[in-house]
Amino acid sequence: MASTSLAGVGTASVRHNPIRSLVERRGVRVSRAQRVAGVTTALSKNEDSKLRTGQMVRGQRFAVRCRAEKEKQNTLSNLDALLGIEPEPEKPPRVEVKAEAAPPPQEVKPTPVEKSNDDTSIDFSDRIIGSVCYFLPLMDGLKYSKFLLTQFPQFGYLLVPLAPVAKIYYSLGFLNIIVFFAMYFGVGQNRQLSKFLRYNAMQAIVLDILLILPDVLSSLFNGINGPPTGGAGLEAKILFDNTVFLFVYLSVAYASISSLLGKSAKLPLVGEAADMQSGGGMDDQ
């Protein structure tokens, strides 16, 4: 009886041992978790295989479709070649042109306007100086007036006001070349002065240079034995000197009076050259 009671106590201690029951329950849970993980892994592998299979099928279908389109194009091109139909040229791709913004308007600077060549815009001092410039060719042309003054003494009254100026000019001797270059560089080529004044100065200078030609021809009339004293040679020299003096005198009178009136007169033989030397744009008024 005592043994029976000991066996009962042992069985009861085994049955009601909490540690053992906890271990058994954990083992059951672990085995269940492993089975769930295995099922999940199998399902994921199955899904991956299905996805790969679907991608492979779609790739094969796309390759078959491309191959069919290519064979169709080859067939149509061969048929066009047999029928003699030229293929339509491919249309060039459209190029979108972006409209550029208009540049901002630029400021227009007014161009400087030179004084017009009329009697209201020319300064009075420019008129006086432009008229005085013509004294230079007149002084160099007086030497051709001796025959004219001998034949017509009354003509000398027109030259009486020029006597003081002629006396001073001829007293300079070779220094009168200084007057020539002073007027050329100081007035004719001076861009700070008005075009009207520069033009008149250059016209007087060109007219004075033109008198070099009569000097050369006059030396031919004089010859080796001096000036002719009679006959046809003398008559030719008188006609020649009178013509040169009248041309110089009338040109100087016309140009100087025009300058006093504020007009730009273009003299024959010298007007165009003077206009070019002074910058151009001078009209005869």
Protein backbone atom coordinates (compact mmCIF):
# COMPACT_ATOMS: atom_id res chain seq x y z
CA MET A 1 0.00 0.00 0.00
CA ALA A 2 2.83 2.24 0.68
CA SER A 3 4.25 1.53 -2.80
CA THR A 4 0.94 2.24 -4.37
CA SER A 5 0.82 5.60 -2.72
CA LEU A 6 4.35 6.44 -3.87
CA ALA A 7 3.48 5.55 -7.47
CA GLY A 8 0.42 7.74 -7.30
CA VAL A 9 2.46 10.62 -5.95
CA GLY A 10 5.03 10.21 -8.76
CA THR A 11 2.35 10.11 -11.45
CA ALA A 12 0.70 13.18 -10.04
CA SER A 13 4.02 15.04 -9.97
CA VAL A 14 4.63 14.15 -13.60
CA ARG A 15 1.23 15.18 -14.75
CA HIS A 16 1.20 18.49 -12.95
CA ASN A 17 4.85 19.55 -13.78
CA PRO A 18 4.46 23.10 -15.29
CA ILE A 19 7.93 23.27 -16.82
CA ARG A 20 7.41 20.22 -18.92
CA SER A 21 4.02 21.38 -20.16
CA LEU A 22 5.55 24.77 -21.21
CA VAL A 23 8.29 23.07 -23.20
CA GLU A 24 5.76 20.87 -24.96
CA ARG A 25 3.59 23.82 -25.90
CA ARG A 26 6.59 25.74 -27.28
CA GLY A 27 7.61 22.76 -29.34
CA VAL A 28 4.15 22.58 -30.85
CA ARG A 29 4.30 26.31 -31.69
CA VAL A 30 7.76 26.03 -33.29
CA SER A 31 6.66 23.12 -35.44
CA ARG A 32 3.63 25.10 -36.58
CA ALA A 33 5.76 28.18 -37.42
CA GLN A 34 8.14 26.05 -39.48
CA ARG A 35 5.25 24.56 -41.38
CA VAL A 36 3.82 28.04 -42.12
CA ALA A 37 7.24 29.34 -43.27
CA GLY A 38 7.63 26.37 -45.55
CA VAL A 39 4.23 26.93 -47.10
CA THR A 40 4.98 30.64 -47.60
CA THR A 41 8.32 29.90 -49.27
CA ALA A 42 6.68 27.38 -51.60
CA LEU A 43 3.98 29.86 -52.54
CA SER A 44 6.53 32.63 -53.24
CA LYS A 45 8.58 30.28 -55.42
CA ASN A 46 5.44 29.36 -57.29
CA GLU A 47 4.59 33.02 -57.87
CA ASP A 48 8.12 33.77 -59.13
CA SER A 49 7.97 30.91 -61.56
CA LYS A 50 4.59 32.12 -62.83
CA LEU A 51 5.95 35.66 -63.33
CA ARG A 52 8.99 34.41 -65.20
CA THR A 53 6.82 32.23 -67.35
CA GLY A 54 4.49 35.14 -68.15
CA GLN A 55 7.43 37.40 -69.10
CA MET A 56 8.88 34.73 -71.35
CA VAL A 57 5.50 34.24 -73.07
CA ARG A 58 5.04 37.98 -73.62
CA GLY A 59 8.60 38.27 -75.04
CA GLN A 60 7.96 35.41 -77.45
CA ARG A 61 4.66 36.97 -78.56
CA PHE A 62 6.37 40.34 -79.17
CA ALA A 63 9.17 38.68 -81.19
CA VAL A 64 6.59 36.80 -83.29
CA ARG A 65 4.65 40.04 -83.90
CA CYS A 66 7.80 41.92 -84.99
CA ARG A 67 8.78 39.07 -87.29
CA ALA A 68 5.32 39.10 -88.87
CA GLU A 69 5.40 42.88 -89.42
CA LYS A 70 8.83 42.64 -91.03
CA GLU A 71 7.70 39.84 -93.36
CA LYS A 72 4.63 41.90 -94.25
CA GLN A 73 6.75 44.95 -95.15
CA ASN A 74 9.11 42.81 -97.22
CA THR A 75 6.14 41.31 -99.08
CA LEU A 76 4.63 44.74 -99.80
CA SER A 77 7.96 46.13 -101.01
CA ASN A 78 8.47 43.15 -103.31
CA LEU A 79 4.94 43.61 -104.67
CA ASP A 80 5.54 47.34 -105.30
CA ALA A 81 8.78 46.50 -107.10
CA LEU A 82 6.96 44.02 -109.36
CA LEU A 83 4.18 46.52 -110.13
CA GLY A 84 6.65 49.37 -110.71
CA ILE A 85 5.30 51.52 -107.91
CA GLU A 86 7.86 53.79 -106.27
CA PRO A 87 7.69 53.89 -102.53
CA GLU A 88 6.47 57.13 -101.00
CA PRO A 89 9.28 59.24 -99.58
CA GLU A 90 9.35 59.45 -95.87
CA LYS A 91 8.10 62.70 -94.50
CA PRO A 92 10.73 64.64 -92.66
CA PRO A 93 10.08 65.02 -88.98
CA ARG A 94 8.44 68.22 -87.95
CA VAL A 95 10.76 70.64 -86.35
CA GLU A 96 9.16 72.94 -83.90
CA VAL A 97 10.51 76.44 -84.30
CA LYS A 98 10.31 78.46 -81.19
CA ALA A 99 9.44 82.06 -81.81
CA GLU A 100 12.23 84.21 -80.52
CA ALA A 101 11.35 87.25 -78.57
CA ALA A 102 11.71 90.51 -80.46
CA PRO A 103 14.79 92.49 -79.43
CA PRO A 104 14.12 95.61 -77.45
CA PRO A 105 13.89 98.76 -79.55
CA GLN A 106 17.16 100.60 -79.82
CA GLU A 107 17.42 104.25 -79.26
CA VAL A 108 17.96 106.15 -82.49
CA LYS A 109 20.44 108.92 -82.01
CA PRO A 110 19.82 111.95 -84.18
CA THR A 111 22.56 112.50 -86.71
CA PRO A 112 24.23 115.86 -86.58
CA VAL A 113 23.02 118.06 -89.39
CA GLU A 114 25.47 120.48 -90.85
CA LYS A 115 24.42 123.98 -91.61
CA SER A 116 22.63 124.28 -94.90
CA ASN A 117 24.24 126.33 -97.60
CA ASP A 118 21.81 129.24 -97.61
CA ASP A 119 22.05 132.93 -96.77
CA THR A 120 20.33 132.53 -93.38
CA SER A 121 22.61 129.86 -91.83
CA ILE A 122 26.04 131.19 -92.89
CA ASP A 123 27.76 133.37 -90.32
CA PHE A 124 28.68 136.85 -91.42
CA SER A 125 32.30 136.32 -90.38
CA ASP A 126 32.51 133.25 -92.65
CA ARG A 127 31.20 135.30 -95.54
CA ILE A 128 33.83 138.00 -95.03
CA ILE A 129 36.74 135.57 -94.65
CA GLY A 130 35.57 133.50 -97.64
CA SER A 131 35.47 136.65 -99.77
CA VAL A 132 38.92 137.80 -98.62
CA CYS A 133 40.43 134.41 -99.59
CA TYR A 134 39.94 135.28 -103.27
CA PHE A 135 42.46 138.11 -102.95
CA LEU A 136 45.24 135.54 -103.28
CA PRO A 137 44.58 134.50 -106.93
CA LEU A 138 43.71 138.10 -107.81
CA MET A 139 47.08 139.38 -106.56
CA ASP A 140 48.91 136.70 -108.55
CA GLY A 141 46.85 137.50 -111.64
CA LEU A 142 47.46 141.27 -111.65
CA LYS A 143 50.69 140.81 -113.65
CA TYR A 144 48.59 139.87 -116.67
CA SER A 145 46.66 143.18 -116.57
CA LYS A 146 49.27 145.58 -117.99
CA PHE A 147 48.11 145.37 -121.61
CA LEU A 148 44.45 145.69 -120.64
CA LEU A 149 45.11 148.76 -118.46
CA THR A 150 47.15 150.33 -121.26
CA GLN A 151 44.35 149.88 -123.78
CA PHE A 152 41.54 150.75 -121.34
CA PRO A 153 42.79 153.09 -118.58
CA GLN A 154 39.26 153.44 -117.22
CA PHE A 155 39.46 149.84 -116.13
CA GLY A 156 42.14 150.82 -113.63
CA TYR A 157 39.56 152.61 -111.46
CA LEU A 158 38.16 149.21 -110.53
CA LEU A 159 41.56 148.18 -109.21
CA VAL A 160 42.28 151.32 -107.17
CA PRO A 161 40.80 149.84 -103.89
CA LEU A 162 43.20 146.92 -104.25
CA ALA A 163 46.32 149.12 -104.41
CA PRO A 164 47.17 148.97 -100.63
CA VAL A 165 46.64 145.21 -100.54
CA ALA A 166 48.75 144.70 -103.67
CA LYS A 167 51.54 146.88 -102.25
CA ILE A 168 51.71 144.81 -99.05
CA TYR A 169 51.49 141.49 -100.91
CA TYR A 170 54.26 142.27 -103.42
CA SER A 171 56.51 143.65 -100.66
CA LEU A 172 56.67 140.16 -99.15
CA GLY A 173 58.59 138.80 -102.11
CA PHE A 174 59.08 135.03 -101.75
CA LEU A 175 57.44 135.14 -98.33
CA ASN A 176 54.03 135.26 -100.01
CA ILE A 177 54.30 131.46 -100.13
CA ILE A 178 53.64 131.63 -96.38
CA VAL A 179 50.28 133.23 -97.12
CA PHE A 180 49.47 130.36 -99.50
CA PHE A 181 50.22 127.58 -97.00
CA ALA A 182 48.64 129.47 -94.10
CA MET A 183 45.39 129.69 -96.02
CA TYR A 184 45.64 126.05 -97.15
CA PHE A 185 46.27 124.47 -93.73
CA GLY A 186 44.65 127.12 -91.54
CA VAL A 187 41.41 127.51 -93.47
CA GLY A 188 41.01 125.04 -96.34
CA GLN A 189 41.94 121.90 -94.34
CA ASN A 190 40.70 123.03 -90.93
CA ARG A 191 37.77 120.69 -90.12
CA GLN A 192 36.72 122.87 -87.20
CA LEU A 193 35.58 125.57 -89.58
CA SER A 194 32.35 125.51 -91.56
CA LYS A 195 32.22 123.74 -94.90
CA PHE A 196 31.21 126.97 -96.59
CA LEU A 197 34.39 128.69 -95.49
CA ARG A 198 36.60 125.70 -96.30
CA TYR A 199 35.09 125.41 -99.76
CA ASN A 200 35.70 129.04 -100.66
CA ALA A 201 39.26 128.90 -99.34
CA MET A 202 40.03 125.77 -101.36
CA GLN A 203 38.46 127.24 -104.50
CA ALA A 204 40.68 130.33 -104.20
CA ILE A 205 43.74 128.11 -103.66
CA VAL A 206 42.95 125.89 -106.68
CA LEU A 207 42.41 128.98 -108.83
CA ASP A 208 45.80 130.31 -107.71
CA ILE A 209 47.44 126.96 -108.55
CA LEU A 210 45.80 127.06 -111.99
CA LEU A 211 47.78 130.24 -112.75
CA ILE A 212 50.93 128.10 -112.96
CA LEU A 213 49.82 127.01 -116.45
CA PRO A 214 49.72 130.60 -117.88
CA ASP A 215 53.16 131.23 -116.36
CA VAL A 216 54.58 128.28 -118.29
CA LEU A 217 52.88 129.35 -121.54
CA SER A 218 54.02 132.96 -121.05
CA SER A 219 57.63 131.79 -120.85
CA LEU A 220 57.13 130.13 -124.23
CA PHE A 221 55.97 133.43 -125.72
CA ASN A 222 59.03 135.22 -124.36
CA GLY A 223 61.34 132.68 -125.97
CA ILE A 224 65.11 133.02 -125.86
CA ASN A 225 65.28 136.66 -127.00
CA GLY A 226 62.75 137.95 -124.47
CA PRO A 227 59.12 139.04 -124.96
CA PRO A 228 58.03 139.87 -128.51
CA THR A 229 58.10 143.55 -129.46
CA GLY A 230 55.85 143.46 -132.47
CA GLY A 231 54.13 141.43 -135.11
CA ALA A 232 51.95 138.39 -134.56
CA GLY A 233 53.89 137.30 -131.48
CA LEU A 234 53.06 140.51 -129.64
CA GLU A 235 49.40 140.34 -130.67
CA ALA A 236 49.19 136.74 -129.41
CA LYS A 237 50.79 137.69 -126.10
CA ILE A 238 48.42 140.63 -125.59
CA LEU A 239 45.42 138.42 -126.30
CA PHE A 240 46.72 135.71 -124.02
CA ASP A 241 47.43 138.04 -121.05
CA ASN A 242 44.11 139.84 -121.39
CA THR A 243 42.23 136.54 -121.48
CA VAL A 244 43.98 135.20 -118.38
CA PHE A 245 43.42 138.41 -116.42
CA LEU A 246 39.76 138.73 -117.38
CA PHE A 247 39.14 135.10 -116.43
CA VAL A 248 40.80 135.56 -113.04
CA TYR A 249 39.17 138.92 -112.39
CA LEU A 250 35.63 137.84 -113.30
CA SER A 251 35.99 134.56 -111.38
CA VAL A 252 37.19 136.37 -108.27
CA ALA A 253 34.46 139.01 -108.54
CA TYR A 254 31.70 136.44 -108.95
CA ALA A 255 32.95 134.11 -106.19
CA SER A 256 33.68 136.88 -103.66
CA ILE A 257 30.29 138.57 -104.16
CA SER A 258 28.57 135.17 -103.85
CA SER A 259 30.47 134.55 -100.63
CA LEU A 260 29.33 137.89 -99.21
CA LEU A 261 25.74 136.93 -100.04
CA GLY A 262 26.14 133.53 -98.36
CA LYS A 263 26.14 131.61 -101.64
CA SER A 264 28.64 128.93 -102.76
CA ALA A 265 29.64 129.60 -106.35
CA LYS A 266 31.30 126.83 -108.36
CA LEU A 267 33.80 128.31 -110.75
CA PRO A 268 34.65 126.57 -114.03
CA LEU A 269 37.79 124.40 -114.06
CA VAL A 270 38.29 124.69 -110.29
CA GLY A 271 34.91 124.26 -108.58
CA GLU A 272 34.78 120.45 -108.66
CA ALA A 273 38.35 120.08 -107.40
CA ALA A 274 37.67 122.53 -104.56
CA ASP A 275 34.50 120.64 -103.63
CA MET A 276 36.41 117.34 -103.42
CA GLN A 277 39.18 118.87 -101.32
CA SER A 278 36.71 120.40 -98.86
CA GLY A 279 34.71 117.19 -98.33
CA GLY A 280 32.07 117.40 -101.08
CA GLY A 281 28.38 118.19 -100.91
CA MET A 282 28.64 121.83 -101.95
CA ASP A 283 26.04 122.94 -104.49
CA ASP A 284 26.16 125.97 -106.67
CA GLN A 285 23.56 128.47 -105.50
